[in-house]
Amino acid sequence: MYSSIAAHLTAHNLLYLALLTHPTNLSYNQISIFFLPLIWSCYIYTWTRGHGYLSALHSLWSTTLLLFHRPREDFKLIHRCTLLTETDGKKECLHWLETYPEPLWERFLWVSKLVFGYRFVGWDVGAGKVEIGGPVSRGWWLLGSFLRAGVAFVVSDAMSLWMVYDPYFQWETSIDEVFPRRLAGFLGRVGLKGLSPRGVRIAVFGVQQYAVFYLVGSFLAIVFVSLGGLEIVGEYWGAPHSWPPLMGNPVAIFHKGLRGLWGKVWHQLFRQVCAPSENFSTWLTYLAFHRPWKSHCEIRWAASQILFQLHHPDWNSIFAFRRIPRLDSPS
């Protein structure tokens, strides 16, 4: 266990070291060739030791930063500041872009914000025009976040209460098993007696996961924005615009269907991690088969496998088709 944790920390430090190395010392191609094999070997070791979730996520993230992007040359950190104009007293939001710094300490802070910025919030990655929002009232933002987090807590608690009385979530039963008398009576009283047990259970699990993810994101956002108001943390970590909602508005499902679910409603923590490798695999598949539809189908399959692995870490491989038994199950 300790050896796998040490390997994971070693790979993380290697990523830091690669990004801290100035481009005049090692070029983009050189850090990719030198550091990526070392990072991958560490994560392969942690994978074999049972930390598949962490190794998969961080190996993709390291590959994204060192192979599919050139952060030292192209990325710029966005700094925002709110000023009062002298003429009419209105608030005006200004911003400036910080390129890769020369001093070592400033470079370390710049790299730290990049390594932990999985969604590239607050970064200009050279992909086009960056939208800079206007000033946001910290007090109103905190009040709204508290109210939305309270609603998410109530929803999560209600779904958890349902799971307590549904035998499907307590022991192994069929997902199409009829509801027990108490739950069936409740659905009958609210006019939902004819719903499919499979559909209801999928909806209950999905809503519960949505609420839990929303609560986690809201908790971190409220803590850091509050610390920012007390001037304990800086603008990058403590400003309201640095913490967009982790989960989107469910109304997008009714407008765009499955695309709205995965593109707007569900969290986007791994979009930047998987997008460059997805584009790379599209290009390779197109060169190999010269059929765009085939590459499209392969991308959808690969994305579904990655998502399943990230949400079900008891699978041993993102390309596995056979479920690996749990440790507590009979062999």
Protein backbone atom coordinates (compact mmCIF):
# COMPACT_ATOMS: atom_id res chain seq x y z
CA MET A 1 0.00 0.00 0.00
CA TYR A 2 2.72 2.46 1.00
CA SER A 3 4.73 1.66 -2.11
CA SER A 4 1.76 2.46 -4.39
CA ILE A 5 1.16 5.77 -2.58
CA ALA A 6 4.86 6.59 -2.94
CA ALA A 7 4.70 5.79 -6.67
CA HIS A 8 1.64 8.02 -7.07
CA LEU A 9 3.34 10.92 -5.28
CA THR A 10 6.48 10.37 -7.37
CA ALA A 11 4.48 10.66 -10.58
CA HIS A 12 2.77 13.79 -9.27
CA ASN A 13 6.14 15.35 -8.42
CA LEU A 14 7.48 14.43 -11.85
CA LEU A 15 4.59 16.33 -13.45
CA TYR A 16 5.46 19.33 -11.28
CA LEU A 17 9.13 19.06 -12.23
CA ALA A 18 8.32 18.83 -15.93
CA LEU A 19 6.16 21.95 -15.86
CA LEU A 20 8.61 23.84 -13.65
CA THR A 21 11.43 23.22 -16.10
CA HIS A 22 11.89 26.37 -18.17
CA PRO A 23 11.43 25.99 -21.98
CA THR A 24 14.98 27.28 -22.49
CA ASN A 25 16.28 24.24 -20.60
CA LEU A 26 14.02 21.53 -22.01
CA SER A 27 11.73 21.96 -25.00
CA TYR A 28 8.18 20.63 -25.37
CA ASN A 29 9.36 17.48 -27.18
CA GLN A 30 12.10 16.85 -24.65
CA ILE A 31 9.89 16.98 -21.54
CA SER A 32 7.32 14.74 -23.28
CA ILE A 33 9.92 12.13 -24.20
CA PHE A 34 11.75 12.25 -20.88
CA PHE A 35 9.00 12.68 -18.26
CA LEU A 36 5.94 10.90 -19.69
CA PRO A 37 7.41 7.35 -19.71
CA LEU A 38 8.51 7.81 -16.09
CA ILE A 39 5.06 9.10 -15.09
CA TRP A 40 3.27 6.30 -16.94
CA SER A 41 5.48 3.63 -15.34
CA CYS A 42 4.61 4.97 -11.86
CA TYR A 43 0.89 4.95 -12.64
CA ILE A 44 1.04 1.47 -14.15
CA TYR A 45 2.56 0.30 -10.87
CA THR A 46 -0.19 2.00 -8.82
CA TRP A 47 -2.76 0.43 -11.17
CA THR A 48 -1.45 -3.05 -10.46
CA ARG A 49 -1.59 -2.30 -6.72
CA GLY A 50 -5.33 -1.57 -6.79
CA HIS A 51 -5.45 2.20 -7.27
CA GLY A 52 -6.92 2.09 -10.76
CA TYR A 53 -9.16 5.13 -10.36
CA LEU A 54 -6.38 7.50 -9.32
CA SER A 55 -3.86 6.16 -11.79
CA ALA A 56 -6.27 6.36 -14.74
CA LEU A 57 -7.32 9.93 -13.97
CA HIS A 58 -3.86 11.32 -13.27
CA SER A 59 -2.15 9.52 -16.14
CA LEU A 60 -4.68 11.04 -18.56
CA TRP A 61 -4.21 14.46 -16.95
CA SER A 62 -0.42 14.25 -17.18
CA THR A 63 -0.68 13.18 -20.82
CA THR A 64 -3.02 16.07 -21.51
CA LEU A 65 -0.66 18.66 -20.07
CA LEU A 66 2.62 17.27 -21.40
CA LEU A 67 1.63 15.76 -24.76
CA PHE A 68 -1.56 17.33 -26.10
CA HIS A 69 -0.93 20.88 -24.87
CA ARG A 70 2.00 23.26 -24.56
CA PRO A 71 1.10 25.03 -21.30
CA ARG A 72 4.47 26.73 -20.79
CA GLU A 73 4.27 28.35 -24.22
CA ASP A 74 0.52 28.82 -24.79
CA PHE A 75 -1.33 29.01 -21.45
CA LYS A 76 -2.06 32.27 -19.65
CA LEU A 77 -3.48 32.67 -16.14
CA ILE A 78 -6.38 35.13 -16.01
CA HIS A 79 -6.31 37.69 -13.18
CA ARG A 80 -9.48 39.67 -12.53
CA CYS A 81 -9.92 42.78 -10.43
CA THR A 82 -12.98 44.93 -9.69
CA LEU A 83 -12.48 48.70 -9.65
CA LEU A 84 -14.77 51.66 -9.05
CA THR A 85 -14.68 54.20 -11.85
CA GLU A 86 -14.02 57.75 -10.74
CA THR A 87 -16.73 59.34 -12.90
CA ASP A 88 -19.98 57.57 -12.03
CA GLY A 89 -18.84 55.19 -9.26
CA LYS A 90 -19.86 52.06 -11.18
CA LYS A 91 -18.00 48.80 -10.76
CA GLU A 92 -15.85 47.72 -13.67
CA CYS A 93 -14.25 44.30 -14.04
CA LEU A 94 -10.72 44.40 -15.45
CA HIS A 95 -8.42 41.51 -16.23
CA TRP A 96 -4.86 40.81 -17.27
CA LEU A 97 -3.11 37.65 -18.46
CA GLU A 98 -0.06 36.13 -16.77
CA THR A 99 2.22 34.07 -18.99
CA TYR A 100 4.73 31.48 -17.79
CA PRO A 101 6.71 33.32 -15.08
CA GLU A 102 10.47 33.60 -14.89
CA PRO A 103 11.02 33.66 -11.05
CA LEU A 104 10.95 30.18 -9.58
CA TRP A 105 8.46 30.86 -6.74
CA GLU A 106 5.98 32.61 -9.05
CA ARG A 107 6.45 29.78 -11.53
CA PHE A 108 5.64 27.25 -8.76
CA LEU A 109 2.39 29.07 -7.90
CA TRP A 110 1.48 29.27 -11.60
CA VAL A 111 2.10 25.55 -12.11
CA SER A 112 0.21 24.62 -8.93
CA LYS A 113 -2.91 26.39 -10.15
CA LEU A 114 -2.60 24.62 -13.50
CA VAL A 115 -2.07 21.11 -12.08
CA PHE A 116 -5.20 21.35 -9.92
CA GLY A 117 -7.31 23.20 -12.51
CA TYR A 118 -8.96 20.20 -14.17
CA ARG A 119 -11.63 22.34 -15.86
CA PHE A 120 -9.24 25.13 -16.94
CA VAL A 121 -11.41 27.65 -15.12
CA GLY A 122 -9.53 30.95 -15.03
CA TRP A 123 -7.14 29.99 -17.84
CA ASP A 124 -6.63 31.16 -21.39
CA VAL A 125 -5.46 27.99 -23.14
CA GLY A 126 -5.08 29.62 -26.55
CA ALA A 127 -8.29 28.10 -27.94
CA GLY A 128 -9.94 31.40 -28.89
CA LYS A 129 -11.65 34.31 -27.20
CA VAL A 130 -12.04 34.00 -23.43
CA GLU A 131 -15.29 35.28 -21.95
CA ILE A 132 -14.67 37.47 -18.89
CA GLY A 133 -17.80 37.85 -16.78
CA GLY A 134 -18.75 40.95 -14.87
CA PRO A 135 -18.31 41.49 -11.13
CA VAL A 136 -20.35 39.23 -8.84
CA SER A 137 -21.58 40.16 -5.37
CA ARG A 138 -19.95 37.77 -2.92
CA GLY A 139 -22.77 38.03 -0.39
CA TRP A 140 -25.57 37.27 -2.87
CA TRP A 141 -23.48 34.48 -4.40
CA LEU A 142 -22.99 32.84 -0.99
CA LEU A 143 -26.69 33.18 -0.14
CA GLY A 144 -27.73 31.55 -3.42
CA SER A 145 -25.16 28.79 -2.98
CA PHE A 146 -26.41 28.05 0.54
CA LEU A 147 -30.02 27.82 -0.69
CA ARG A 148 -29.17 25.55 -3.63
CA ALA A 149 -27.00 23.35 -1.40
CA GLY A 150 -29.92 23.06 1.04
CA VAL A 151 -32.22 21.89 -1.76
CA ALA A 152 -29.60 19.37 -2.90
CA PHE A 153 -29.27 18.06 0.67
CA VAL A 154 -33.04 17.54 0.97
CA VAL A 155 -33.16 15.75 -2.41
CA SER A 156 -30.21 13.53 -1.50
CA ASP A 157 -31.77 12.66 1.86
CA ALA A 158 -35.10 11.80 0.21
CA MET A 159 -33.41 9.50 -2.34
CA SER A 160 -31.38 7.84 0.43
CA LEU A 161 -34.58 7.24 2.40
CA TRP A 162 -36.10 5.56 -0.66
CA MET A 163 -33.03 3.30 -0.94
CA VAL A 164 -33.48 2.19 2.67
CA TYR A 165 -36.92 0.72 1.91
CA ASP A 166 -36.15 -0.56 -1.60
CA PRO A 167 -34.68 -4.09 -1.40
CA TYR A 168 -32.84 -3.57 -4.72
CA PHE A 169 -30.43 -1.17 -3.00
CA GLN A 170 -30.01 -3.32 0.11
CA TRP A 171 -29.29 -6.79 -1.26
CA GLU A 172 -29.06 -8.46 -4.63
CA THR A 173 -32.46 -8.53 -6.29
CA SER A 174 -33.54 -7.98 -9.87
CA ILE A 175 -33.88 -4.38 -10.98
CA ASP A 176 -37.32 -5.31 -12.34
CA GLU A 177 -38.48 -6.74 -9.00
CA VAL A 178 -41.84 -5.32 -7.89
CA PHE A 179 -41.77 -2.71 -5.15
CA PRO A 180 -42.59 -3.70 -1.56
CA ARG A 181 -46.00 -2.72 -0.24
CA ARG A 182 -44.86 0.51 1.43
CA LEU A 183 -43.20 1.95 -1.69
CA ALA A 184 -45.96 0.71 -3.98
CA GLY A 185 -48.56 2.39 -1.73
CA PHE A 186 -46.60 5.67 -1.81
CA LEU A 187 -46.41 5.63 -5.62
CA GLY A 188 -50.12 4.89 -5.78
CA ARG A 189 -50.98 7.85 -3.54
CA VAL A 190 -48.99 10.29 -5.71
CA GLY A 191 -50.41 8.90 -8.98
CA LEU A 192 -47.25 7.12 -10.18
CA LYS A 193 -48.33 3.53 -9.69
CA GLY A 194 -47.85 2.51 -13.32
CA LEU A 195 -44.16 3.43 -13.54
CA SER A 196 -41.62 0.75 -14.39
CA PRO A 197 -39.54 -0.42 -11.39
CA ARG A 198 -36.42 -0.32 -13.56
CA GLY A 199 -37.04 3.29 -14.61
CA VAL A 200 -37.80 4.43 -11.06
CA ARG A 201 -34.66 2.81 -9.63
CA ILE A 202 -32.43 4.25 -12.33
CA ALA A 203 -33.95 7.69 -11.72
CA VAL A 204 -33.55 7.41 -7.95
CA PHE A 205 -29.87 6.46 -8.24
CA GLY A 206 -29.18 9.17 -10.85
CA VAL A 207 -30.88 11.93 -8.85
CA GLN A 208 -29.11 10.86 -5.66
CA GLN A 209 -25.72 10.95 -7.37
CA TYR A 210 -26.51 14.33 -8.93
CA ALA A 211 -27.40 15.79 -5.53
CA VAL A 212 -24.29 14.35 -3.87
CA PHE A 213 -21.96 15.74 -6.55
CA TYR A 214 -23.72 19.10 -6.32
CA LEU A 215 -23.30 19.13 -2.54
CA VAL A 216 -19.58 18.34 -2.74
CA GLY A 217 -18.98 21.09 -5.30
CA SER A 218 -21.09 23.60 -3.38
CA PHE A 219 -19.34 22.83 -0.08
CA LEU A 220 -15.87 23.45 -1.54
CA ALA A 221 -17.06 26.57 -3.35
CA ILE A 222 -18.69 28.06 -0.23
CA VAL A 223 -15.60 27.37 1.90
CA PHE A 224 -13.11 28.91 -0.54
CA VAL A 225 -15.27 31.89 -1.48
CA SER A 226 -15.79 32.61 2.23
CA LEU A 227 -12.02 32.40 2.78
CA GLY A 228 -11.58 34.74 -0.16
CA GLY A 229 -13.92 37.25 1.45
CA LEU A 230 -11.74 37.13 4.56
CA GLU A 231 -8.67 37.62 2.32
CA ILE A 232 -7.15 34.35 3.53
CA VAL A 233 -6.86 32.96 -0.02
CA GLY A 234 -6.26 34.85 -3.23
CA GLU A 235 -8.54 35.76 -6.11
CA TYR A 236 -7.90 32.56 -8.07
CA TRP A 237 -9.18 30.29 -5.28
CA GLY A 238 -11.53 32.64 -3.42
CA ALA A 239 -13.50 34.53 -6.09
CA PRO A 240 -17.08 33.49 -6.99
CA HIS A 241 -16.27 33.32 -10.70
CA SER A 242 -13.60 30.70 -9.96
CA TRP A 243 -16.28 28.24 -8.79
CA PRO A 244 -18.89 27.62 -11.49
CA PRO A 245 -21.49 24.99 -10.52
CA LEU A 246 -20.19 21.45 -10.65
CA MET A 247 -23.54 20.16 -11.96
CA GLY A 248 -25.68 21.88 -14.58
CA ASN A 249 -29.37 22.68 -14.89
CA PRO A 250 -31.45 19.49 -15.45
CA VAL A 251 -33.72 21.42 -17.84
CA ALA A 252 -31.02 20.90 -20.51
CA ILE A 253 -32.10 17.25 -20.73
CA PHE A 254 -35.50 18.28 -22.09
CA HIS A 255 -33.92 20.56 -24.70
CA LYS A 256 -30.99 18.43 -25.91
CA GLY A 257 -31.66 14.93 -24.59
CA LEU A 258 -28.61 12.75 -23.99
CA ARG A 259 -26.27 15.46 -25.28
CA GLY A 260 -27.70 17.85 -22.71
CA LEU A 261 -27.27 15.27 -19.96
CA TRP A 262 -23.57 14.59 -20.60
CA GLY A 263 -22.64 18.03 -21.92
CA LYS A 264 -24.56 20.37 -19.60
CA VAL A 265 -26.12 18.59 -16.61
CA TRP A 266 -23.44 16.13 -15.50
CA HIS A 267 -20.14 17.31 -14.08
CA GLN A 268 -17.39 18.30 -16.52
CA LEU A 269 -14.42 17.43 -14.32
CA PHE A 270 -12.90 15.05 -16.87
CA ARG A 271 -13.85 16.80 -20.11
CA GLN A 272 -10.48 18.51 -20.50
CA VAL A 273 -8.73 15.33 -19.39
CA CYS A 274 -10.34 13.13 -22.06
CA ALA A 275 -10.94 15.60 -24.91
CA PRO A 276 -7.38 15.74 -26.36
CA SER A 277 -6.94 11.96 -26.30
CA GLU A 278 -10.39 11.62 -27.90
CA ASN A 279 -9.38 13.91 -30.75
CA PHE A 280 -6.10 12.02 -31.13
CA SER A 281 -7.87 8.64 -31.34
CA THR A 282 -10.31 10.12 -33.88
CA TRP A 283 -7.40 11.17 -36.05
CA LEU A 284 -5.68 7.77 -35.78
CA THR A 285 -8.86 5.86 -36.55
CA TYR A 286 -9.61 8.05 -39.54
CA LEU A 287 -6.11 7.45 -40.94
CA ALA A 288 -6.41 3.72 -40.38
CA PHE A 289 -9.90 3.13 -41.76
CA HIS A 290 -10.80 6.29 -43.73
CA ARG A 291 -14.36 5.97 -42.46
CA PRO A 292 -15.59 8.86 -40.27
CA TRP A 293 -18.57 6.86 -38.99
CA LYS A 294 -16.26 4.15 -37.71
CA SER A 295 -14.11 6.60 -35.77
CA HIS A 296 -17.28 8.19 -34.36
CA CYS A 297 -18.49 4.83 -33.07
CA GLU A 298 -15.07 4.03 -31.60
CA ILE A 299 -14.97 7.35 -29.78
CA ARG A 300 -18.41 6.74 -28.27
CA TRP A 301 -17.33 3.26 -27.15
CA ALA A 302 -14.06 4.54 -25.64
CA ALA A 303 -15.84 7.40 -23.86
CA SER A 304 -18.43 5.04 -22.36
CA GLN A 305 -15.69 2.67 -21.16
CA ILE A 306 -13.74 5.51 -19.53
CA LEU A 307 -16.85 6.91 -17.85
CA PHE A 308 -17.82 3.46 -16.57
CA GLN A 309 -14.33 2.94 -15.15
CA LEU A 310 -14.25 6.32 -13.44
CA HIS A 311 -17.62 5.75 -11.79
CA HIS A 312 -17.07 2.05 -11.05
CA PRO A 313 -13.51 1.68 -9.73
CA ASP A 314 -14.07 -2.01 -8.95
CA TRP A 315 -13.46 -2.69 -12.64
CA ASN A 316 -9.80 -3.46 -13.15
CA SER A 317 -9.46 -2.07 -16.68
CA ILE A 318 -11.26 0.48 -18.82
CA PHE A 319 -11.13 -2.03 -21.68
CA ALA A 320 -12.33 -5.04 -19.64
CA PHE A 321 -15.49 -6.84 -20.64
CA ARG A 322 -15.43 -9.25 -17.69
CA ARG A 323 -16.17 -8.03 -14.18
CA ILE A 324 -13.45 -8.69 -11.64
CA PRO A 325 -14.86 -10.25 -8.42
CA ARG A 326 -14.74 -8.18 -5.26
CA LEU A 327 -12.35 -9.14 -2.50
CA ASP A 328 -15.19 -10.04 -0.17
CA SER A 329 -16.93 -12.30 -2.70
CA PRO A 330 -16.33 -16.06 -2.85
CA SER A 331 -13.85 -17.12 -5.52
